[in-house]
């Protein structure tokens, strides 16, 4: 009887050893997650990055899961008419102002506003949940002019339509050779 329990314990230990969750990359958890989030963001934004092989293999799985989620939810929205109040613009693109007198008799300039009805996409609940999951895995990005870039909409509107016919394998790893200095294997990770 004792031999059977010893064998069971050995089997359990072997099972635990074979199951690998993810690569540690020689970093603490917060540093590793930050690196992976940044590299995933760069891959989606630029569609191609150069990094080490271990990092690329980790990013590949994250990026593939994000793209498959985007493909699944890309058409799950409805168009809704929304009333928008915004500043009225002249032909040069400047805001139109008018002179107004306050209660105590002072005059000041007030921006003229106009109400416009626009058609906008409203996410269905499952697409909204998918958008939130994506936002956990990627960083917020600004372009050189300081404007925010919405990478989740890029995933839904640009990347997902390219891969609708494809089942998995959205990224490719191309080996470049060893890096000078530490001889780490360098690869290019790109969207197919």
C-alpha atoms as a PDB file:
ATOM      1  CA  UNK A   1       0.000   0.000   0.000  1.00  0.00           C
ATOM      2  CA  UNK A   2       2.744   2.515   0.796  1.00  0.00           C
ATOM      3  CA  UNK A   3       4.399   1.882  -2.570  1.00  0.00           C
ATOM      4  CA  UNK A   4       1.212   2.833  -4.420  1.00  0.00           C
ATOM      5  CA  UNK A   5       1.016   6.189  -2.654  1.00  0.00           C
ATOM      6  CA  UNK A   6       4.688   6.856  -3.405  1.00  0.00           C
ATOM      7  CA  UNK A   7       4.075   6.175  -7.103  1.00  0.00           C
ATOM      8  CA  UNK A   8       1.059   8.504  -7.071  1.00  0.00           C
ATOM      9  CA  UNK A   9       3.127  11.266  -5.499  1.00  0.00           C
ATOM     10  CA  UNK A  10       5.858  10.811  -8.118  1.00  0.00           C
ATOM     11  CA  UNK A  11       3.280  10.987 -10.913  1.00  0.00           C
ATOM     12  CA  UNK A  12       1.786  14.150  -9.438  1.00  0.00           C
ATOM     13  CA  UNK A  13       5.228  15.778  -9.218  1.00  0.00           C
ATOM     14  CA  UNK A  14       5.981  14.847 -12.818  1.00  0.00           C
ATOM     15  CA  UNK A  15       2.682  16.341 -13.965  1.00  0.00           C
ATOM     16  CA  UNK A  16       3.411  19.580 -12.146  1.00  0.00           C
ATOM     17  CA  UNK A  17       6.872  19.779 -13.706  1.00  0.00           C
ATOM     18  CA  UNK A  18       5.643  19.287 -17.277  1.00  0.00           C
ATOM     19  CA  UNK A  19       2.981  22.003 -17.076  1.00  0.00           C
ATOM     20  CA  UNK A  20       4.653  25.321 -17.850  1.00  0.00           C
ATOM     21  CA  UNK A  21       2.524  28.445 -17.524  1.00  0.00           C
ATOM     22  CA  UNK A  22       4.784  31.048 -19.115  1.00  0.00           C
ATOM     23  CA  UNK A  23       8.377  32.147 -19.488  1.00  0.00           C
ATOM     24  CA  UNK A  24       9.783  34.224 -16.656  1.00  0.00           C
ATOM     25  CA  UNK A  25      12.241  36.139 -18.893  1.00  0.00           C
ATOM     26  CA  UNK A  26      14.514  36.759 -15.898  1.00  0.00           C
ATOM     27  CA  UNK A  27      12.244  39.506 -14.569  1.00  0.00           C
ATOM     28  CA  UNK A  28       9.895  40.093 -11.677  1.00  0.00           C
ATOM     29  CA  UNK A  29       6.196  39.744 -12.446  1.00  0.00           C
ATOM     30  CA  UNK A  30       5.405  43.442 -12.827  1.00  0.00           C
ATOM     31  CA  UNK A  31       8.441  44.072 -15.040  1.00  0.00           C
ATOM     32  CA  UNK A  32       7.675  41.028 -17.191  1.00  0.00           C
ATOM     33  CA  UNK A  33       4.009  41.985 -17.661  1.00  0.00           C
ATOM     34  CA  UNK A  34       5.019  45.543 -18.506  1.00  0.00           C
ATOM     35  CA  UNK A  35       7.524  44.373 -21.128  1.00  0.00           C
ATOM     36  CA  UNK A  36       4.988  41.994 -22.692  1.00  0.00           C
ATOM     37  CA  UNK A  37       2.279  44.676 -22.733  1.00  0.00           C
ATOM     38  CA  UNK A  38       4.615  47.196 -24.375  1.00  0.00           C
ATOM     39  CA  UNK A  39       5.874  44.753 -26.997  1.00  0.00           C
ATOM     40  CA  UNK A  40       2.321  43.594 -27.786  1.00  0.00           C
ATOM     41  CA  UNK A  41       1.275  47.228 -28.200  1.00  0.00           C
ATOM     42  CA  UNK A  42       4.196  47.876 -30.561  1.00  0.00           C
ATOM     43  CA  UNK A  43       3.376  44.763 -32.587  1.00  0.00           C
ATOM     44  CA  UNK A  44      -0.236  45.827 -33.095  1.00  0.00           C
ATOM     45  CA  UNK A  45       0.714  49.447 -33.816  1.00  0.00           C
ATOM     46  CA  UNK A  46       3.651  48.832 -36.198  1.00  0.00           C
ATOM     47  CA  UNK A  47       2.699  45.270 -37.261  1.00  0.00           C
ATOM     48  CA  UNK A  48       6.372  44.245 -36.954  1.00  0.00           C
ATOM     49  CA  UNK A  49       8.924  44.241 -34.113  1.00  0.00           C
ATOM     50  CA  UNK A  50      12.451  42.962 -33.518  1.00  0.00           C
ATOM     51  CA  UNK A  51      13.110  41.259 -30.185  1.00  0.00           C
ATOM     52  CA  UNK A  52      14.606  38.149 -28.589  1.00  0.00           C
ATOM     53  CA  UNK A  53      13.203  34.715 -29.347  1.00  0.00           C
ATOM     54  CA  UNK A  54      11.846  34.013 -25.840  1.00  0.00           C
ATOM     55  CA  UNK A  55       9.991  37.327 -25.711  1.00  0.00           C
ATOM     56  CA  UNK A  56       8.670  36.836 -29.239  1.00  0.00           C
ATOM     57  CA  UNK A  57       7.212  33.436 -28.370  1.00  0.00           C
ATOM     58  CA  UNK A  58       5.370  34.936 -25.403  1.00  0.00           C
ATOM     59  CA  UNK A  59       4.092  37.912 -27.406  1.00  0.00           C
ATOM     60  CA  UNK A  60       2.995  35.638 -30.253  1.00  0.00           C
ATOM     61  CA  UNK A  61       0.502  33.832 -28.038  1.00  0.00           C
ATOM     62  CA  UNK A  62      -0.855  37.094 -26.603  1.00  0.00           C
ATOM     63  CA  UNK A  63      -1.191  38.744 -30.024  1.00  0.00           C
ATOM     64  CA  UNK A  64      -2.844  35.676 -31.565  1.00  0.00           C
ATOM     65  CA  UNK A  65      -5.424  35.577 -28.779  1.00  0.00           C
ATOM     66  CA  UNK A  66      -6.177  39.312 -29.197  1.00  0.00           C
ATOM     67  CA  UNK A  67      -6.579  38.968 -32.966  1.00  0.00           C
ATOM     68  CA  UNK A  68      -8.826  35.909 -32.657  1.00  0.00           C
ATOM     69  CA  UNK A  69     -10.962  37.807 -30.143  1.00  0.00           C
ATOM     70  CA  UNK A  70     -11.179  40.752 -32.566  1.00  0.00           C
ATOM     71  CA  UNK A  71     -12.192  38.442 -35.426  1.00  0.00           C
ATOM     72  CA  UNK A  72     -14.906  36.866 -33.302  1.00  0.00           C
ATOM     73  CA  UNK A  73     -16.415  40.230 -32.274  1.00  0.00           C
ATOM     74  CA  UNK A  74     -15.647  42.467 -35.281  1.00  0.00           C
ATOM     75  CA  UNK A  75     -19.258  42.713 -36.570  1.00  0.00           C
ATOM     76  CA  UNK A  76     -20.977  42.687 -33.184  1.00  0.00           C
ATOM     77  CA  UNK A  77     -22.203  46.295 -32.996  1.00  0.00           C
ATOM     78  CA  UNK A  78     -25.210  48.393 -33.927  1.00  0.00           C
ATOM     79  CA  UNK A  79     -25.451  51.852 -35.454  1.00  0.00           C
ATOM     80  CA  UNK A  80     -27.110  54.438 -33.198  1.00  0.00           C
ATOM     81  CA  UNK A  81     -28.043  58.076 -33.900  1.00  0.00           C
ATOM     82  CA  UNK A  82     -26.552  60.323 -31.206  1.00  0.00           C
ATOM     83  CA  UNK A  83     -27.162  64.035 -30.648  1.00  0.00           C
ATOM     84  CA  UNK A  84     -23.862  65.832 -30.271  1.00  0.00           C
ATOM     85  CA  UNK A  85     -23.443  69.415 -29.068  1.00  0.00           C
ATOM     86  CA  UNK A  86     -20.241  70.931 -30.406  1.00  0.00           C
ATOM     87  CA  UNK A  87     -18.694  74.303 -31.186  1.00  0.00           C
ATOM     88  CA  UNK A  88     -19.743  75.834 -34.499  1.00  0.00           C
ATOM     89  CA  UNK A  89     -16.767  76.370 -36.834  1.00  0.00           C
ATOM     90  CA  UNK A  90     -16.281  78.959 -39.583  1.00  0.00           C
ATOM     91  CA  UNK A  91     -14.770  78.178 -43.002  1.00  0.00           C
ATOM     92  CA  UNK A  92     -11.199  78.505 -41.623  1.00  0.00           C
ATOM     93  CA  UNK A  93     -11.879  75.995 -38.851  1.00  0.00           C
ATOM     94  CA  UNK A  94     -11.961  78.541 -36.015  1.00  0.00           C
ATOM     95  CA  UNK A  95     -14.682  78.559 -33.357  1.00  0.00           C
ATOM     96  CA  UNK A  96     -17.491  81.074 -33.897  1.00  0.00           C
ATOM     97  CA  UNK A  97     -18.041  83.396 -30.901  1.00  0.00           C
ATOM     98  CA  UNK A  98     -20.692  85.918 -29.959  1.00  0.00           C
ATOM     99  CA  UNK A  99     -20.713  88.843 -27.518  1.00  0.00           C
ATOM    100  CA  UNK A 100     -22.853  88.280 -24.448  1.00  0.00           C
ATOM    101  CA  UNK A 101     -23.578  90.506 -21.453  1.00  0.00           C
ATOM    102  CA  UNK A 102     -23.396  88.934 -18.006  1.00  0.00           C
ATOM    103  CA  UNK A 103     -25.763  89.630 -15.074  1.00  0.00           C
ATOM    104  CA  UNK A 104     -23.447  92.277 -13.625  1.00  0.00           C
ATOM    105  CA  UNK A 105     -23.169  94.092 -16.972  1.00  0.00           C
ATOM    106  CA  UNK A 106     -19.795  92.890 -18.234  1.00  0.00           C
ATOM    107  CA  UNK A 107     -19.426  91.744 -21.841  1.00  0.00           C
ATOM    108  CA  UNK A 108     -17.584  88.562 -22.808  1.00  0.00           C
ATOM    109  CA  UNK A 109     -17.239  86.221 -25.773  1.00  0.00           C
ATOM    110  CA  UNK A 110     -19.153  82.931 -25.749  1.00  0.00           C
ATOM    111  CA  UNK A 111     -18.613  80.050 -28.175  1.00  0.00           C
ATOM    112  CA  UNK A 112     -21.648  79.348 -30.360  1.00  0.00           C
ATOM    113  CA  UNK A 113     -22.735  75.714 -30.082  1.00  0.00           C
ATOM    114  CA  UNK A 114     -24.692  73.605 -32.534  1.00  0.00           C
ATOM    115  CA  UNK A 115     -26.525  70.301 -32.107  1.00  0.00           C
ATOM    116  CA  UNK A 116     -25.823  67.660 -34.725  1.00  0.00           C
ATOM    117  CA  UNK A 117     -27.106  64.102 -35.053  1.00  0.00           C
ATOM    118  CA  UNK A 118     -24.366  61.583 -35.842  1.00  0.00           C
ATOM    119  CA  UNK A 119     -24.467  57.859 -36.539  1.00  0.00           C
ATOM    120  CA  UNK A 120     -22.054  56.011 -34.233  1.00  0.00           C
ATOM    121  CA  UNK A 121     -21.178  52.416 -33.527  1.00  0.00           C
ATOM    122  CA  UNK A 122     -22.520  51.093 -30.244  1.00  0.00           C
ATOM    123  CA  UNK A 123     -20.789  47.932 -29.041  1.00  0.00           C
ATOM    124  CA  UNK A 124     -22.939  45.008 -28.029  1.00  0.00           C
ATOM    125  CA  UNK A 125     -22.136  43.626 -24.543  1.00  0.00           C
ATOM    126  CA  UNK A 126     -19.838  40.815 -25.732  1.00  0.00           C
ATOM    127  CA  UNK A 127     -17.854  43.199 -27.988  1.00  0.00           C
ATOM    128  CA  UNK A 128     -17.551  45.679 -25.126  1.00  0.00           C
ATOM    129  CA  UNK A 129     -16.200  42.891 -22.927  1.00  0.00           C
ATOM    130  CA  UNK A 130     -13.739  41.923 -25.681  1.00  0.00           C
ATOM    131  CA  UNK A 131     -12.615  45.570 -25.969  1.00  0.00           C
ATOM    132  CA  UNK A 132     -11.975  45.682 -22.229  1.00  0.00           C
ATOM    133  CA  UNK A 133      -9.983  42.432 -22.354  1.00  0.00           C
ATOM    134  CA  UNK A 134      -7.857  43.904 -25.154  1.00  0.00           C
ATOM    135  CA  UNK A 135      -7.258  47.083 -23.190  1.00  0.00           C
ATOM    136  CA  UNK A 136      -5.809  44.985 -20.340  1.00  0.00           C
ATOM    137  CA  UNK A 137      -3.197  43.516 -22.701  1.00  0.00           C
ATOM    138  CA  UNK A 138      -2.134  46.695 -24.563  1.00  0.00           C
ATOM    139  CA  UNK A 139      -1.046  50.195 -23.537  1.00  0.00           C
ATOM    140  CA  UNK A 140      -2.568  53.531 -24.513  1.00  0.00           C
ATOM    141  CA  UNK A 141      -0.625  55.097 -27.389  1.00  0.00           C
ATOM    142  CA  UNK A 142      -0.184  58.658 -28.653  1.00  0.00           C
ATOM    143  CA  UNK A 143       1.199  59.642 -32.041  1.00  0.00           C
ATOM    144  CA  UNK A 144       3.873  62.280 -32.644  1.00  0.00           C
ATOM    145  CA  UNK A 145       1.255  65.064 -32.541  1.00  0.00           C
ATOM    146  CA  UNK A 146      -0.046  63.939 -29.144  1.00  0.00           C
ATOM    147  CA  UNK A 147      -3.345  62.481 -30.397  1.00  0.00           C
ATOM    148  CA  UNK A 148      -4.554  59.226 -28.862  1.00  0.00           C
ATOM    149  CA  UNK A 149      -4.496  56.170 -31.119  1.00  0.00           C
ATOM    150  CA  UNK A 150      -7.246  53.634 -30.483  1.00  0.00           C
ATOM    151  CA  UNK A 151      -5.541  50.281 -30.983  1.00  0.00           C
ATOM    152  CA  UNK A 152      -8.669  48.298 -30.105  1.00  0.00           C
ATOM    153  CA  UNK A 153     -10.523  49.898 -33.012  1.00  0.00           C
ATOM    154  CA  UNK A 154      -7.495  49.142 -35.208  1.00  0.00           C
ATOM    155  CA  UNK A 155      -7.794  45.505 -34.161  1.00  0.00           C
ATOM    156  CA  UNK A 156     -11.537  45.440 -34.910  1.00  0.00           C
ATOM    157  CA  UNK A 157     -11.570  47.531 -38.115  1.00  0.00           C
ATOM    158  CA  UNK A 158      -8.211  46.935 -39.843  1.00  0.00           C
ATOM    159  CA  UNK A 159      -6.530  43.768 -38.588  1.00  0.00           C
ATOM    160  CA  UNK A 160      -9.544  41.467 -38.003  1.00  0.00           C
ATOM    161  CA  UNK A 161     -11.008  41.821 -41.552  1.00  0.00           C
ATOM    162  CA  UNK A 162      -7.664  40.680 -43.026  1.00  0.00           C
ATOM    163  CA  UNK A 163      -7.768  37.413 -41.081  1.00  0.00           C
ATOM    164  CA  UNK A 164     -11.452  36.406 -41.285  1.00  0.00           C
ATOM    165  CA  UNK A 165     -10.680  33.408 -43.543  1.00  0.00           C
ATOM    166  CA  UNK A 166      -7.674  32.310 -41.488  1.00  0.00           C
ATOM    167  CA  UNK A 167      -7.910  30.032 -38.444  1.00  0.00           C
ATOM    168  CA  UNK A 168      -5.018  30.839 -36.105  1.00  0.00           C
ATOM    169  CA  UNK A 169      -1.401  31.589 -36.976  1.00  0.00           C
ATOM    170  CA  UNK A 170      -1.752  35.358 -37.361  1.00  0.00           C
ATOM    171  CA  UNK A 171       1.878  36.099 -36.500  1.00  0.00           C
ATOM    172  CA  UNK A 172       5.200  34.864 -37.880  1.00  0.00           C
ATOM    173  CA  UNK A 173       8.624  34.590 -36.243  1.00  0.00           C
ATOM    174  CA  UNK A 174      11.643  35.017 -38.548  1.00  0.00           C
ATOM    175  CA  UNK A 175      15.073  34.297 -37.034  1.00  0.00           C
ATOM    176  CA  UNK A 176      17.805  36.881 -37.696  1.00  0.00           C
ATOM    177  CA  UNK A 177      20.714  35.274 -35.849  1.00  0.00           C
ATOM    178  CA  UNK A 178      22.608  36.001 -32.676  1.00  0.00           C
ATOM    179  CA  UNK A 179      22.845  39.493 -31.227  1.00  0.00           C
ATOM    180  CA  UNK A 180      26.292  40.948 -30.869  1.00  0.00           C
ATOM    181  CA  UNK A 181      27.245  41.425 -27.242  1.00  0.00           C
ATOM    182  CA  UNK A 182      25.230  38.780 -25.403  1.00  0.00           C
ATOM    183  CA  UNK A 183      24.641  36.308 -28.268  1.00  0.00           C
ATOM    184  CA  UNK A 184      20.892  36.255 -27.681  1.00  0.00           C
ATOM    185  CA  UNK A 185      18.822  34.860 -30.540  1.00  0.00           C
ATOM    186  CA  UNK A 186      17.167  37.846 -32.264  1.00  0.00           C
ATOM    187  CA  UNK A 187      13.967  37.432 -34.278  1.00  0.00           C
ATOM    188  CA  UNK A 188      11.453  39.555 -36.161  1.00  0.00           C
ATOM    189  CA  UNK A 189       7.867  39.052 -35.049  1.00  0.00           C
ATOM    190  CA  UNK A 190       5.361  40.263 -37.628  1.00  0.00           C
ATOM    191  CA  UNK A 191       1.720  39.946 -38.530  1.00  0.00           C
ATOM    192  CA  UNK A 192       1.251  37.584 -41.472  1.00  0.00           C
END
